[in-house]
Structures are given as structure tokens and as C-alpha cells.
Amino acid sequence: MVNILKVSLIIVLLYMIYVVISTSMESNLFTEWNYLASIPWMRATLWDFYANVLVIYLWVLYKEKNAGIKILWAILFFCLGSIATIAYTLIQLFKLKEGEPVEKALLRN
């Protein structure tokens, strides 16, 4: 199961990197911001995104002991979104030893 999760997350990570890069090459977020902010569904999507990031970050606050690591992941999550979330999750999965259950990746070290 762990290997299926790793492969699945790597595929999603690569796709998200592709989407972000290709979209960035096609459209500049900073020049489009005023227009995007005027769309109610865009505002709702951003609130939804940051609510999800907050929930995931609360897990990191629980899981990590080092304050510097906690701050680093907060910056990465809020700036990179799902790319950082997937990266963090993959790091946790790759830390598992052979045969350890996925649940161990969710708990404090």
C-alpha cells in the first residue's frame, strides 16, 4: 500500500508542477489578480484552499518538533500549495521502514 501511495503521489506531484509551470508561462497571476479577485468563485476557491492548507499545517505542527521546520513548511504550504503538501507527504512516506504501516507516517516521531 505504501508503494502505491508513493507512486500515486509522485504522479500527482509531477502533474501539478507541469500545470503550474505551463499556466505560469501562459498567464501572469500578478497581472490577472484584479480580474480573478472579482470572480466570487475564485474568492471561494482561495478560501477553500487556505482552509485546507491550515488543516494540513496543523498536522505538521503536531508532527514536527523543530520550530524552524514548522515555519519552513508553513511558508512552503502557503506559497506552493499542493506541491508542498505532496512533497511533505512523500517525505513522510519515504521515511517509513520496510513493512511499517502508513499510520506511522501520520504520527509524531
Protein backbone atom coordinates (compact mmCIF):
# COMPACT_ATOMS: atom_id res chain seq x y z
CA MET A 1 0.00 0.00 0.00
CA VAL A 2 2.83 2.43 0.83
CA ASN A 3 4.38 1.93 -2.60
CA ILE A 4 1.04 2.58 -4.32
CA LEU A 5 0.72 5.81 -2.34
CA LYS A 6 4.27 6.87 -3.22
CA VAL A 7 3.81 6.24 -6.93
CA SER A 8 0.39 7.92 -6.97
CA LEU A 9 1.68 10.98 -5.15
CA ILE A 10 4.75 11.26 -7.39
CA ILE A 11 2.48 11.22 -10.45
CA VAL A 12 0.23 13.91 -8.95
CA LEU A 13 3.27 15.97 -7.90
CA LEU A 14 4.76 15.88 -11.39
CA TYR A 15 1.40 16.80 -12.91
CA MET A 16 0.95 19.72 -10.50
CA ILE A 17 4.44 21.02 -11.30
CA TYR A 18 3.60 20.77 -15.01
CA VAL A 19 0.27 22.59 -14.53
CA VAL A 20 1.84 25.41 -12.51
CA ILE A 21 4.74 25.90 -14.93
CA SER A 22 2.61 25.73 -18.08
CA THR A 23 -0.02 28.06 -16.60
CA SER A 24 2.68 30.50 -15.45
CA MET A 25 4.11 30.58 -18.96
CA GLU A 26 0.66 31.27 -20.40
CA SER A 27 -0.67 33.76 -17.87
CA ASN A 28 0.87 36.02 -15.21
CA LEU A 29 -1.03 35.69 -11.92
CA PHE A 30 0.04 39.13 -10.75
CA THR A 31 -1.31 40.90 -13.85
CA GLU A 32 -4.55 38.87 -13.72
CA TRP A 33 -5.07 39.26 -9.97
CA ASN A 34 -7.63 42.11 -10.01
CA TYR A 35 -9.77 40.30 -12.55
CA LEU A 36 -9.52 36.95 -10.73
CA ALA A 37 -10.30 38.54 -7.36
CA SER A 38 -13.52 39.96 -8.80
CA ILE A 39 -14.90 36.46 -9.51
CA PRO A 40 -16.88 35.14 -6.49
CA TRP A 41 -15.94 31.52 -7.19
CA MET A 42 -12.26 32.45 -7.30
CA ARG A 43 -12.55 34.03 -3.85
CA ALA A 44 -14.39 30.94 -2.58
CA THR A 45 -11.73 28.69 -4.08
CA LEU A 46 -8.95 30.65 -2.38
CA TRP A 47 -10.72 30.46 1.00
CA ASP A 48 -11.20 26.74 0.46
CA PHE A 49 -7.54 26.30 -0.47
CA TYR A 50 -6.24 28.17 2.57
CA ALA A 51 -8.63 26.31 4.90
CA ASN A 52 -7.20 23.03 3.59
CA VAL A 53 -3.64 24.31 3.96
CA LEU A 54 -4.40 25.30 7.54
CA VAL A 55 -5.71 21.82 8.37
CA ILE A 56 -2.62 20.19 6.87
CA TYR A 57 -0.37 22.68 8.64
CA LEU A 58 -1.99 21.83 11.98
CA TRP A 59 -0.89 18.23 11.34
CA VAL A 60 2.67 19.50 10.75
CA LEU A 61 2.54 21.49 14.00
CA TYR A 62 1.55 18.29 15.79
CA LYS A 63 4.07 16.08 14.00
CA GLU A 64 7.23 18.20 13.84
CA LYS A 65 9.29 19.17 16.88
CA ASN A 66 11.67 21.73 15.35
CA ALA A 67 10.28 25.30 15.21
CA GLY A 68 12.38 26.15 12.15
CA ILE A 69 10.97 23.18 10.24
CA LYS A 70 7.44 24.20 11.26
CA ILE A 71 7.98 27.72 9.93
CA LEU A 72 9.60 26.45 6.71
CA TRP A 73 6.67 24.15 5.95
CA ALA A 74 4.18 26.95 6.69
CA ILE A 75 5.87 29.14 4.08
CA LEU A 76 6.07 26.29 1.58
CA PHE A 77 2.44 25.23 2.08
CA PHE A 78 1.02 28.73 1.79
CA CYS A 79 3.20 29.63 -1.22
CA LEU A 80 3.32 26.35 -3.15
CA GLY A 81 0.05 24.73 -2.13
CA SER A 82 -0.43 21.14 -3.17
CA ILE A 83 3.13 20.87 -4.50
CA ALA A 84 4.47 21.40 -0.96
CA THR A 85 1.74 19.26 0.59
CA ILE A 86 2.55 16.34 -1.68
CA ALA A 87 6.29 16.81 -1.09
CA TYR A 88 5.79 16.75 2.70
CA THR A 89 3.61 13.65 2.47
CA LEU A 90 6.13 11.88 0.23
CA ILE A 91 8.95 12.71 2.66
CA GLN A 92 6.91 11.14 5.46
CA LEU A 93 6.19 8.03 3.37
CA PHE A 94 9.83 7.62 2.32
CA LYS A 95 10.89 7.80 6.00
CA LEU A 96 8.93 4.62 6.68
CA LYS A 97 10.98 1.48 7.04
CA GLU A 98 10.04 -1.61 5.03
CA GLY A 99 6.84 -3.10 6.40
CA GLU A 100 5.87 -0.15 8.61
CA PRO A 101 2.21 0.84 8.30
CA VAL A 102 1.13 4.15 6.77
CA GLU A 103 -0.30 5.14 10.14
CA LYS A 104 3.24 5.57 11.44
CA ALA A 105 3.81 8.37 8.91
CA LEU A 106 0.86 10.26 10.39
CA LEU A 107 2.09 10.17 13.99
CA ARG A 108 4.84 12.02 15.83
CA ASN A 109 8.30 10.52 15.67
